[in-house]
Each structure stands twice: as C-alpha cells, then as structure tokens.
Amino acid sequence: NTLDGLEAIIFTADGDMRSAVNALQSTASGFELVDQTNVLRVCDQPHPKTAYQIIKHCLAGDIHKAHNQLEGLWGQGYSSQDIVQTLFRVTRNMNEMP
C-alpha cells in the first residue's frame, strides 16, 4: 500500500466506510499494489489532478485549456456524472478558491 493509494480511497469513498473497504479490497484483489492509479482504475473515476487542472484553468480564465482537458476525460469514457462529481469533490477541498 502507498500513501497516495490510501488518499485515493478516502477521496473516492467520500466518507462512506463501506465504499472505502470495497475499494481497498477490490484494488488489493486486482493489483499487487494499492496506489492512486490502481484505486482510480478500480473505482473508475477521473484523476483528481486532472480535475484540479481544469478548475485552475477556469480560475485563470483559460477556458480553452479547461475545455480540452474536459474533452479528454469524456474521450476516455468517463460519464458526465463521474466528471462532475470529481470536479465537485476537488473544488470542495481546494484552498485556493477566491
């Protein structure tokens, strides 16, 4: 297990202990290592760093870069619900919001 893997479990579970245990168990069963990349694969959620970059581009007024990254998530097969949910979670935890 890695620290970023445990942080990814906390992020994806969003306070639901059952979801956290399921994510940990599923990731450990499917991969030898419970790290951020593997947890996000198992939970099928966009990477929070990508969501963070999208929000930062919006705050900087660079809508074209934000749109391109958003289109990239859509092109990877993430649903609109998964994208919006991840953007919400990242925004809620950001300290840099005006």
PDB file of N, CA and C in Angstrom:
ATOM      1  N   ASN A   1       0.837  -1.188   0.000  1.00  0.00           N
ATOM      2  CA  ASN A   1       0.000   0.000   0.000  1.00  0.00           C
ATOM      3  C   ASN A   1       0.879   1.248   0.000  1.00  0.00           C
ATOM      4  N   THR A   2       0.393   2.271  -0.660  1.00  0.00           N
ATOM      5  CA  THR A   2       1.103   3.540  -0.660  1.00  0.00           C
ATOM      6  C   THR A   2       0.192   4.611  -0.065  1.00  0.00           C
ATOM      7  N   LEU A   3       0.793   5.692   0.398  1.00  0.00           N
ATOM      8  CA  LEU A   3       0.021   6.783   0.980  1.00  0.00           C
ATOM      9  C   LEU A   3      -0.949   7.375  -0.032  1.00  0.00           C
ATOM     10  N   ASP A   4      -0.489   7.552  -1.284  1.00  0.00           N
ATOM     11  CA  ASP A   4      -1.394   8.126  -2.284  1.00  0.00           C
ATOM     12  C   ASP A   4      -2.544   7.172  -2.604  1.00  0.00           C
ATOM     13  N   GLY A   5      -2.325   5.867  -2.452  1.00  0.00           N
ATOM     14  CA  GLY A   5      -3.397   4.896  -2.637  1.00  0.00           C
ATOM     15  C   GLY A   5      -4.462   5.028  -1.566  1.00  0.00           C
ATOM     16  N   LEU A   6      -4.024   5.189  -0.331  1.00  0.00           N
ATOM     17  CA  LEU A   6      -4.977   5.372   0.765  1.00  0.00           C
ATOM     18  C   LEU A   6      -5.718   6.700   0.630  1.00  0.00           C
ATOM     19  N   GLU A   7      -5.000   7.736   0.182  1.00  0.00           N
ATOM     20  CA  GLU A   7      -5.661   9.026  -0.043  1.00  0.00           C
ATOM     21  C   GLU A   7      -6.698   8.918  -1.161  1.00  0.00           C
ATOM     22  N   ALA A   8      -6.398   8.140  -2.194  1.00  0.00           N
ATOM     23  CA  ALA A   8      -7.351   7.939  -3.290  1.00  0.00           C
ATOM     24  C   ALA A   8      -8.593   7.197  -2.800  1.00  0.00           C
ATOM     25  N   ILE A   9      -8.400   6.235  -1.904  1.00  0.00           N
ATOM     26  CA  ILE A   9      -9.546   5.523  -1.335  1.00  0.00           C
ATOM     27  C   ILE A   9     -10.415   6.486  -0.535  1.00  0.00           C
ATOM     28  N   ILE A  10      -9.790   7.322   0.264  1.00  0.00           N
ATOM     29  CA  ILE A  10     -10.541   8.311   1.047  1.00  0.00           C
ATOM     30  C   ILE A  10     -11.292   9.263   0.118  1.00  0.00           C
ATOM     31  N   PHE A  11     -10.632   9.696  -0.948  1.00  0.00           N
ATOM     32  CA  PHE A  11     -11.246  10.623  -1.901  1.00  0.00           C
ATOM     33  C   PHE A  11     -12.445   9.979  -2.591  1.00  0.00           C
ATOM     34  N   THR A  12     -12.270   8.757  -3.088  1.00  0.00           N
ATOM     35  CA  THR A  12     -13.352   8.110  -3.838  1.00  0.00           C
ATOM     36  C   THR A  12     -14.504   7.692  -2.932  1.00  0.00           C
ATOM     37  N   ALA A  13     -14.207   7.321  -1.686  1.00  0.00           N
ATOM     38  CA  ALA A  13     -15.261   6.881  -0.767  1.00  0.00           C
ATOM     39  C   ALA A  13     -16.115   8.049  -0.288  1.00  0.00           C
ATOM     40  N   ASP A  14     -15.525   9.222  -0.208  1.00  0.00           N
ATOM     41  CA  ASP A  14     -16.235  10.437   0.183  1.00  0.00           C
ATOM     42  C   ASP A  14     -17.022  10.242   1.487  1.00  0.00           C
ATOM     43  N   GLY A  15     -16.365   9.633   2.476  1.00  0.00           N
ATOM     44  CA  GLY A  15     -16.973   9.472   3.789  1.00  0.00           C
ATOM     45  C   GLY A  15     -17.757   8.193   4.001  1.00  0.00           C
ATOM     46  N   ASP A  16     -17.897   7.362   2.979  1.00  0.00           N
ATOM     47  CA  ASP A  16     -18.650   6.111   3.092  1.00  0.00           C
ATOM     48  C   ASP A  16     -17.679   4.969   3.399  1.00  0.00           C
ATOM     49  N   MET A  17     -17.695   4.479   4.621  1.00  0.00           N
ATOM     50  CA  MET A  17     -16.749   3.451   5.051  1.00  0.00           C
ATOM     51  C   MET A  17     -16.909   2.164   4.244  1.00  0.00           C
ATOM     52  N   ARG A  18     -18.129   1.785   3.922  1.00  0.00           N
ATOM     53  CA  ARG A  18     -18.340   0.565   3.119  1.00  0.00           C
ATOM     54  C   ARG A  18     -17.691   0.701   1.748  1.00  0.00           C
ATOM     55  N   SER A  19     -17.833   1.869   1.168  1.00  0.00           N
ATOM     56  CA  SER A  19     -17.218   2.116  -0.131  1.00  0.00           C
ATOM     57  C   SER A  19     -15.700   2.066  -0.032  1.00  0.00           C
ATOM     58  N   ALA A  20     -15.153   2.597   1.056  1.00  0.00           N
ATOM     59  CA  ALA A  20     -13.701   2.580   1.255  1.00  0.00           C
ATOM     60  C   ALA A  20     -13.181   1.151   1.380  1.00  0.00           C
ATOM     61  N   VAL A  21     -13.869   0.344   2.162  1.00  0.00           N
ATOM     62  CA  VAL A  21     -13.454  -1.058   2.336  1.00  0.00           C
ATOM     63  C   VAL A  21     -13.563  -1.810   1.016  1.00  0.00           C
ATOM     64  N   ASN A  22     -14.639  -1.581   0.277  1.00  0.00           N
ATOM     65  CA  ASN A  22     -14.801  -2.240  -1.030  1.00  0.00           C
ATOM     66  C   ASN A  22     -13.705  -1.827  -1.997  1.00  0.00           C
ATOM     67  N   ALA A  23     -13.373  -0.538  -2.008  1.00  0.00           N
ATOM     68  CA  ALA A  23     -12.317  -0.056  -2.907  1.00  0.00           C
ATOM     69  C   ALA A  23     -10.978  -0.675  -2.547  1.00  0.00           C
ATOM     70  N   LEU A  24     -10.683  -0.739  -1.258  1.00  0.00           N
ATOM     71  CA  LEU A  24      -9.425  -1.343  -0.803  1.00  0.00           C
ATOM     72  C   LEU A  24      -9.377  -2.821  -1.171  1.00  0.00           C
ATOM     73  N   GLN A  25     -10.443  -3.536  -0.907  1.00  0.00           N
ATOM     74  CA  GLN A  25     -10.482  -4.967  -1.191  1.00  0.00           C
ATOM     75  C   GLN A  25     -10.393  -5.232  -2.700  1.00  0.00           C
ATOM     76  N   SER A  26     -11.130  -4.482  -3.482  1.00  0.00           N
ATOM     77  CA  SER A  26     -11.114  -4.682  -4.937  1.00  0.00           C
ATOM     78  C   SER A  26      -9.755  -4.352  -5.536  1.00  0.00           C
ATOM     79  N   THR A  27      -9.148  -3.279  -5.064  1.00  0.00           N
ATOM     80  CA  THR A  27      -7.837  -2.899  -5.584  1.00  0.00           C
ATOM     81  C   THR A  27      -6.788  -3.927  -5.188  1.00  0.00           C
ATOM     82  N   ALA A  28      -6.820  -4.378  -3.945  1.00  0.00           N
ATOM     83  CA  ALA A  28      -5.856  -5.382  -3.478  1.00  0.00           C
ATOM     84  C   ALA A  28      -6.038  -6.702  -4.216  1.00  0.00           C
ATOM     85  N   SER A  29      -7.267  -7.040  -4.567  1.00  0.00           N
ATOM     86  CA  SER A  29      -7.525  -8.288  -5.298  1.00  0.00           C
ATOM     87  C   SER A  29      -7.058  -8.208  -6.745  1.00  0.00           C
ATOM     88  N   GLY A  30      -7.236  -7.034  -7.346  1.00  0.00           N
ATOM     89  CA  GLY A  30      -6.926  -6.898  -8.766  1.00  0.00           C
ATOM     90  C   GLY A  30      -5.488  -6.533  -9.069  1.00  0.00           C
ATOM     91  N   PHE A  31      -4.804  -5.948  -8.116  1.00  0.00           N
ATOM     92  CA  PHE A  31      -3.440  -5.475  -8.333  1.00  0.00           C
ATOM     93  C   PHE A  31      -2.577  -5.856  -7.141  1.00  0.00           C
ATOM     94  N   GLU A  32      -1.309  -5.959  -7.364  1.00  0.00           N
ATOM     95  CA  GLU A  32      -0.399  -6.252  -6.258  1.00  0.00           C
ATOM     96  C   GLU A  32      -0.187  -5.037  -5.365  1.00  0.00           C
ATOM     97  N   LEU A  33      -0.368  -3.851  -5.928  1.00  0.00           N
ATOM     98  CA  LEU A  33      -0.086  -2.616  -5.212  1.00  0.00           C
ATOM     99  C   LEU A  33      -1.335  -1.747  -5.136  1.00  0.00           C
ATOM    100  N   VAL A  34      -1.649  -1.264  -3.945  1.00  0.00           N
ATOM    101  CA  VAL A  34      -2.760  -0.331  -3.762  1.00  0.00           C
ATOM    102  C   VAL A  34      -2.170   1.071  -3.809  1.00  0.00           C
ATOM    103  N   ASP A  35      -2.142   1.636  -5.015  1.00  0.00           N
ATOM    104  CA  ASP A  35      -1.661   3.002  -5.185  1.00  0.00           C
ATOM    105  C   ASP A  35      -2.762   3.830  -5.845  1.00  0.00           C
ATOM    106  N   GLN A  36      -2.508   5.108  -6.008  1.00  0.00           N
ATOM    107  CA  GLN A  36      -3.523   6.013  -6.523  1.00  0.00           C
ATOM    108  C   GLN A  36      -4.037   5.591  -7.899  1.00  0.00           C
ATOM    109  N   THR A  37      -3.132   5.250  -8.785  1.00  0.00           N
ATOM    110  CA  THR A  37      -3.521   4.869 -10.137  1.00  0.00           C
ATOM    111  C   THR A  37      -4.428   3.650 -10.128  1.00  0.00           C
ATOM    112  N   ASN A  38      -4.066   2.632  -9.367  1.00  0.00           N
ATOM    113  CA  ASN A  38      -4.861   1.404  -9.335  1.00  0.00           C
ATOM    114  C   ASN A  38      -6.214   1.617  -8.669  1.00  0.00           C
ATOM    115  N   VAL A  39      -6.256   2.409  -7.606  1.00  0.00           N
ATOM    116  CA  VAL A  39      -7.533   2.690  -6.940  1.00  0.00           C
ATOM    117  C   VAL A  39      -8.469   3.416  -7.894  1.00  0.00           C
ATOM    118  N   LEU A  40      -7.964   4.418  -8.604  1.00  0.00           N
ATOM    119  CA  LEU A  40      -8.804   5.174  -9.524  1.00  0.00           C
ATOM    120  C   LEU A  40      -9.258   4.310 -10.697  1.00  0.00           C
ATOM    121  N   ARG A  41      -8.449   3.348 -11.103  1.00  0.00           N
ATOM    122  CA  ARG A  41      -8.868   2.403 -12.142  1.00  0.00           C
ATOM    123  C   ARG A  41     -10.024   1.548 -11.654  1.00  0.00           C
ATOM    124  N   VAL A  42      -9.871   0.996 -10.466  1.00  0.00           N
ATOM    125  CA  VAL A  42     -10.901   0.113  -9.913  1.00  0.00           C
ATOM    126  C   VAL A  42     -12.206   0.883  -9.684  1.00  0.00           C
ATOM    127  N   CYS A  43     -12.094   2.087  -9.157  1.00  0.00           N
ATOM    128  CA  CYS A  43     -13.281   2.893  -8.849  1.00  0.00           C
ATOM    129  C   CYS A  43     -13.824   3.620 -10.077  1.00  0.00           C
ATOM    130  N   ASP A  44     -13.088   3.576 -11.177  1.00  0.00           N
ATOM    131  CA  ASP A  44     -13.480   4.182 -12.448  1.00  0.00           C
ATOM    132  C   ASP A  44     -13.856   5.658 -12.261  1.00  0.00           C
ATOM    133  N   GLN A  45     -12.914   6.411 -11.709  1.00  0.00           N
ATOM    134  CA  GLN A  45     -13.115   7.843 -11.521  1.00  0.00           C
ATOM    135  C   GLN A  45     -11.966   8.605 -12.162  1.00  0.00           C
ATOM    136  N   PRO A  46     -12.267   9.790 -12.713  1.00  0.00           N
ATOM    137  CA  PRO A  46     -11.199  10.614 -13.283  1.00  0.00           C
ATOM    138  C   PRO A  46     -10.165  10.972 -12.222  1.00  0.00           C
ATOM    139  N   HIS A  47      -8.959  11.183 -12.660  1.00  0.00           N
ATOM    140  CA  HIS A  47      -7.881  11.521 -11.732  1.00  0.00           C
ATOM    141  C   HIS A  47      -8.133  12.908 -11.149  1.00  0.00           C
ATOM    142  N   PRO A  48      -8.057  13.048  -9.825  1.00  0.00           N
ATOM    143  CA  PRO A  48      -8.283  14.350  -9.201  1.00  0.00           C
ATOM    144  C   PRO A  48      -7.316  15.432  -9.675  1.00  0.00           C
ATOM    145  N   LYS A  49      -6.110  15.053 -10.058  1.00  0.00           N
ATOM    146  CA  LYS A  49      -5.151  16.049 -10.551  1.00  0.00           C
ATOM    147  C   LYS A  49      -5.635  16.678 -11.852  1.00  0.00           C
ATOM    148  N   THR A  50      -6.282  15.879 -12.690  1.00  0.00           N
ATOM    149  CA  THR A  50      -6.832  16.414 -13.934  1.00  0.00           C
ATOM    150  C   THR A  50      -7.973  17.376 -13.626  1.00  0.00           C
ATOM    151  N   ALA A  51      -8.833  16.992 -12.693  1.00  0.00           N
ATOM    152  CA  ALA A  51      -9.931  17.874 -12.294  1.00  0.00           C
ATOM    153  C   ALA A  51      -9.386  19.174 -11.705  1.00  0.00           C
ATOM    154  N   TYR A  52      -8.344  19.062 -10.902  1.00  0.00           N
ATOM    155  CA  TYR A  52      -7.711  20.234 -10.306  1.00  0.00           C
ATOM    156  C   TYR A  52      -7.180  21.171 -11.395  1.00  0.00           C
ATOM    157  N   GLN A  53      -6.534  20.589 -12.410  1.00  0.00           N
ATOM    158  CA  GLN A  53      -6.007  21.405 -13.510  1.00  0.00           C
ATOM    159  C   GLN A  53      -7.130  22.110 -14.268  1.00  0.00           C
ATOM    160  N   ILE A  54      -8.246  21.417 -14.471  1.00  0.00           N
ATOM    161  CA  ILE A  54      -9.386  22.021 -15.164  1.00  0.00           C
ATOM    162  C   ILE A  54      -9.882  23.235 -14.373  1.00  0.00           C
ATOM    163  N   ILE A  55     -10.019  23.064 -13.078  1.00  0.00           N
ATOM    164  CA  ILE A  55     -10.501  24.165 -12.230  1.00  0.00           C
ATOM    165  C   ILE A  55      -9.507  25.319 -12.236  1.00  0.00           C
ATOM    166  N   LYS A  56      -8.217  25.016 -12.142  1.00  0.00           N
ATOM    167  CA  LYS A  56      -7.191  26.064 -12.161  1.00  0.00           C
ATOM    168  C   LYS A  56      -7.221  26.828 -13.481  1.00  0.00           C
ATOM    169  N   HIS A  57      -7.407  26.135 -14.594  1.00  0.00           N
ATOM    170  CA  HIS A  57      -7.504  26.809 -15.890  1.00  0.00           C
ATOM    171  C   HIS A  57      -8.722  27.732 -15.919  1.00  0.00           C
ATOM    172  N   CYS A  58      -9.835  27.273 -15.358  1.00  0.00           N
ATOM    173  CA  CYS A  58     -11.036  28.120 -15.306  1.00  0.00           C
ATOM    174  C   CYS A  58     -10.791  29.364 -14.467  1.00  0.00           C
ATOM    175  N   LEU A  59     -10.163  29.183 -13.304  1.00  0.00           N
ATOM    176  CA  LEU A  59      -9.886  30.326 -12.432  1.00  0.00           C
ATOM    177  C   LEU A  59      -8.946  31.330 -13.094  1.00  0.00           C
ATOM    178  N   ALA A  60      -8.049  30.814 -13.944  1.00  0.00           N
ATOM    179  CA  ALA A  60      -7.107  31.686 -14.641  1.00  0.00           C
ATOM    180  C   ALA A  60      -7.718  32.301 -15.902  1.00  0.00           C
ATOM    181  N   GLY A  61      -8.946  31.887 -16.233  1.00  0.00           N
ATOM    182  CA  GLY A  61      -9.606  32.420 -17.417  1.00  0.00           C
ATOM    183  C   GLY A  61      -9.224  31.724 -18.706  1.00  0.00           C
ATOM    184  N   ASP A  62      -8.524  30.615 -18.610  1.00  0.00           N
ATOM    185  CA  ASP A  62      -8.098  29.872 -19.800  1.00  0.00           C
ATOM    186  C   ASP A  62      -9.099  28.747 -20.081  1.00  0.00           C
ATOM    187  N   ILE A  63     -10.239  29.145 -20.592  1.00  0.00           N
ATOM    188  CA  ILE A  63     -11.344  28.213 -20.809  1.00  0.00           C
ATOM    189  C   ILE A  63     -11.017  27.173 -21.871  1.00  0.00           C
ATOM    190  N   HIS A  64     -10.215  27.541 -22.861  1.00  0.00           N
ATOM    191  CA  HIS A  64      -9.884  26.590 -23.929  1.00  0.00           C
ATOM    192  C   HIS A  64      -9.080  25.399 -23.385  1.00  0.00           C
ATOM    193  N   LYS A  65      -8.105  25.666 -22.520  1.00  0.00           N
ATOM    194  CA  LYS A  65      -7.336  24.574 -21.925  1.00  0.00           C
ATOM    195  C   LYS A  65      -8.229  23.710 -21.035  1.00  0.00           C
ATOM    196  N   ALA A  66      -9.102  24.371 -20.263  1.00  0.00           N
ATOM    197  CA  ALA A  66     -10.024  23.627 -19.403  1.00  0.00           C
ATOM    198  C   ALA A  66     -10.935  22.739 -20.242  1.00  0.00           C
ATOM    199  N   HIS A  67     -11.444  23.293 -21.321  1.00  0.00           N
ATOM    200  CA  HIS A  67     -12.336  22.530 -22.203  1.00  0.00           C
ATOM    201  C   HIS A  67     -11.616  21.351 -22.836  1.00  0.00           C
ATOM    202  N   ASN A  68     -10.386  21.564 -23.269  1.00  0.00           N
ATOM    203  CA  ASN A  68      -9.622  20.469 -23.870  1.00  0.00           C
ATOM    204  C   ASN A  68      -9.407  19.324 -22.884  1.00  0.00           C
ATOM    205  N   GLN A  69      -9.097  19.649 -21.639  1.00  0.00           N
ATOM    206  CA  GLN A  69      -8.906  18.599 -20.637  1.00  0.00           C
ATOM    207  C   GLN A  69     -10.224  17.912 -20.311  1.00  0.00           C
ATOM    208  N   LEU A  70     -11.293  18.676 -20.278  1.00  0.00           N
ATOM    209  CA  LEU A  70     -12.610  18.095 -20.037  1.00  0.00           C
ATOM    210  C   LEU A  70     -12.997  17.151 -21.173  1.00  0.00           C
ATOM    211  N   GLU A  71     -12.740  17.564 -22.385  1.00  0.00           N
ATOM    212  CA  GLU A  71     -12.994  16.695 -23.537  1.00  0.00           C
ATOM    213  C   GLU A  71     -12.142  15.427 -23.471  1.00  0.00           C
ATOM    214  N   GLY A  72     -10.911  15.565 -22.953  1.00  0.00           N
ATOM    215  CA  GLY A  72     -10.048  14.398 -22.792  1.00  0.00           C
ATOM    216  C   GLY A  72     -10.649  13.384 -21.832  1.00  0.00           C
ATOM    217  N   LEU A  73     -11.226  13.847 -20.723  1.00  0.00           N
ATOM    218  CA  LEU A  73     -11.886  12.936 -19.785  1.00  0.00           C
ATOM    219  C   LEU A  73     -13.082  12.257 -20.443  1.00  0.00           C
ATOM    220  N   TRP A  74     -13.855  13.035 -21.176  1.00  0.00           N
ATOM    221  CA  TRP A  74     -15.018  12.493 -21.875  1.00  0.00           C
ATOM    222  C   TRP A  74     -14.567  11.440 -22.894  1.00  0.00           C
ATOM    223  N   GLY A  75     -13.477  11.736 -23.594  1.00  0.00           N
ATOM    224  CA  GLY A  75     -12.941  10.803 -24.590  1.00  0.00           C
ATOM    225  C   GLY A  75     -12.401   9.518 -23.986  1.00  0.00           C
ATOM    226  N   GLN A  76     -12.019   9.564 -22.707  1.00  0.00           N
ATOM    227  CA  GLN A  76     -11.543   8.366 -22.025  1.00  0.00           C
ATOM    228  C   GLN A  76     -12.699   7.485 -21.556  1.00  0.00           C
ATOM    229  N   GLY A  77     -13.932   7.964 -21.757  1.00  0.00           N
ATOM    230  CA  GLY A  77     -15.096   7.156 -21.432  1.00  0.00           C
ATOM    231  C   GLY A  77     -15.745   7.443 -20.096  1.00  0.00           C
ATOM    232  N   TYR A  78     -15.300   8.490 -19.407  1.00  0.00           N
ATOM    233  CA  TYR A  78     -15.937   8.825 -18.135  1.00  0.00           C
ATOM    234  C   TYR A  78     -17.303   9.447 -18.392  1.00  0.00           C
ATOM    235  N   SER A  79     -18.266   9.110 -17.554  1.00  0.00           N
ATOM    236  CA  SER A  79     -19.608   9.673 -17.700  1.00  0.00           C
ATOM    237  C   SER A  79     -19.614  11.118 -17.196  1.00  0.00           C
ATOM    238  N   SER A  80     -20.617  11.853 -17.629  1.00  0.00           N
ATOM    239  CA  SER A  80     -20.733  13.238 -17.170  1.00  0.00           C
ATOM    240  C   SER A  80     -20.901  13.278 -15.653  1.00  0.00           C
ATOM    241  N   GLN A  81     -21.606  12.310 -15.091  1.00  0.00           N
ATOM    242  CA  GLN A  81     -21.791  12.265 -13.639  1.00  0.00           C
ATOM    243  C   GLN A  81     -20.459  12.068 -12.925  1.00  0.00           C
ATOM    244  N   ASP A  82     -19.616  11.158 -13.422  1.00  0.00           N
ATOM    245  CA  ASP A  82     -18.307  10.935 -12.805  1.00  0.00           C
ATOM    246  C   ASP A  82     -17.432  12.175 -12.886  1.00  0.00           C
ATOM    247  N   ILE A  83     -17.480  12.863 -14.011  1.00  0.00           N
ATOM    248  CA  ILE A  83     -16.670  14.066 -14.203  1.00  0.00           C
ATOM    249  C   ILE A  83     -17.130  15.175 -13.253  1.00  0.00           C
ATOM    250  N   VAL A  84     -18.434  15.428 -13.220  1.00  0.00           N
ATOM    251  CA  VAL A  84     -18.967  16.498 -12.367  1.00  0.00           C
ATOM    252  C   VAL A  84     -18.738  16.165 -10.898  1.00  0.00           C
ATOM    253  N   GLN A  85     -18.935  14.915 -10.527  1.00  0.00           N
ATOM    254  CA  GLN A  85     -18.722  14.508  -9.134  1.00  0.00           C
ATOM    255  C   GLN A  85     -17.265  14.726  -8.711  1.00  0.00           C
ATOM    256  N   THR A  86     -16.329  14.369  -9.585  1.00  0.00           N
ATOM    257  CA  THR A  86     -14.909  14.566  -9.264  1.00  0.00           C
ATOM    258  C   THR A  86     -14.574  16.046  -9.200  1.00  0.00           C
ATOM    259  N   LEU A  87     -15.088  16.835 -10.135  1.00  0.00           N
ATOM    260  CA  LEU A  87     -14.862  18.278 -10.097  1.00  0.00           C
ATOM    261  C   LEU A  87     -15.411  18.877  -8.807  1.00  0.00           C
ATOM    262  N   PHE A  88     -16.578  18.434  -8.375  1.00  0.00           N
ATOM    263  CA  PHE A  88     -17.171  18.933  -7.135  1.00  0.00           C
ATOM    264  C   PHE A  88     -16.298  18.589  -5.934  1.00  0.00           C
ATOM    265  N   ARG A  89     -15.861  17.347  -5.853  1.00  0.00           N
ATOM    266  CA  ARG A  89     -15.044  16.923  -4.715  1.00  0.00           C
ATOM    267  C   ARG A  89     -13.728  17.696  -4.656  1.00  0.00           C
ATOM    268  N   VAL A  90     -13.103  17.876  -5.805  1.00  0.00           N
ATOM    269  CA  VAL A  90     -11.833  18.606  -5.844  1.00  0.00           C
ATOM    270  C   VAL A  90     -12.056  20.068  -5.463  1.00  0.00           C
ATOM    271  N   THR A  91     -13.109  20.674  -6.005  1.00  0.00           N
ATOM    272  CA  THR A  91     -13.408  22.073  -5.695  1.00  0.00           C
ATOM    273  C   THR A  91     -13.693  22.260  -4.209  1.00  0.00           C
ATOM    274  N   ARG A  92     -14.441  21.333  -3.640  1.00  0.00           N
ATOM    275  CA  ARG A  92     -14.785  21.411  -2.218  1.00  0.00           C
ATOM    276  C   ARG A  92     -13.537  21.374  -1.332  1.00  0.00           C
ATOM    277  N   ASN A  93     -12.505  20.671  -1.786  1.00  0.00           N
ATOM    278  CA  ASN A  93     -11.297  20.516  -0.973  1.00  0.00           C
ATOM    279  C   ASN A  93     -10.183  21.506  -1.328  1.00  0.00           C
ATOM    280  N   MET A  94     -10.428  22.392  -2.276  1.00  0.00           N
ATOM    281  CA  MET A  94      -9.397  23.350  -2.691  1.00  0.00           C
ATOM    282  C   MET A  94      -9.284  24.491  -1.688  1.00  0.00           C
ATOM    283  N   ASN A  95      -8.057  24.883  -1.422  1.00  0.00           N
ATOM    284  CA  ASN A  95      -7.810  26.022  -0.533  1.00  0.00           C
ATOM    285  C   ASN A  95      -7.643  27.318  -1.324  1.00  0.00           C
ATOM    286  N   GLU A  96      -7.427  27.210  -2.631  1.00  0.00           N
ATOM    287  CA  GLU A  96      -7.111  28.386  -3.447  1.00  0.00           C
ATOM    288  C   GLU A  96      -8.342  29.073  -4.036  1.00  0.00           C
ATOM    289  N   MET A  97      -9.527  28.668  -3.650  1.00  0.00           N
ATOM    290  CA  MET A  97     -10.731  29.254  -4.231  1.00  0.00           C
ATOM    291  C   MET A  97     -10.877  30.695  -3.759  1.00  0.00           C
ATOM    292  N   PRO A  98     -11.257  31.597  -4.689  1.00  0.00           N
ATOM    293  CA  PRO A  98     -11.434  33.007  -4.308  1.00  0.00           C
ATOM    294  C   PRO A  98     -12.662  33.189  -3.432  1.00  0.00           C
TER     295      PRO A  98
END
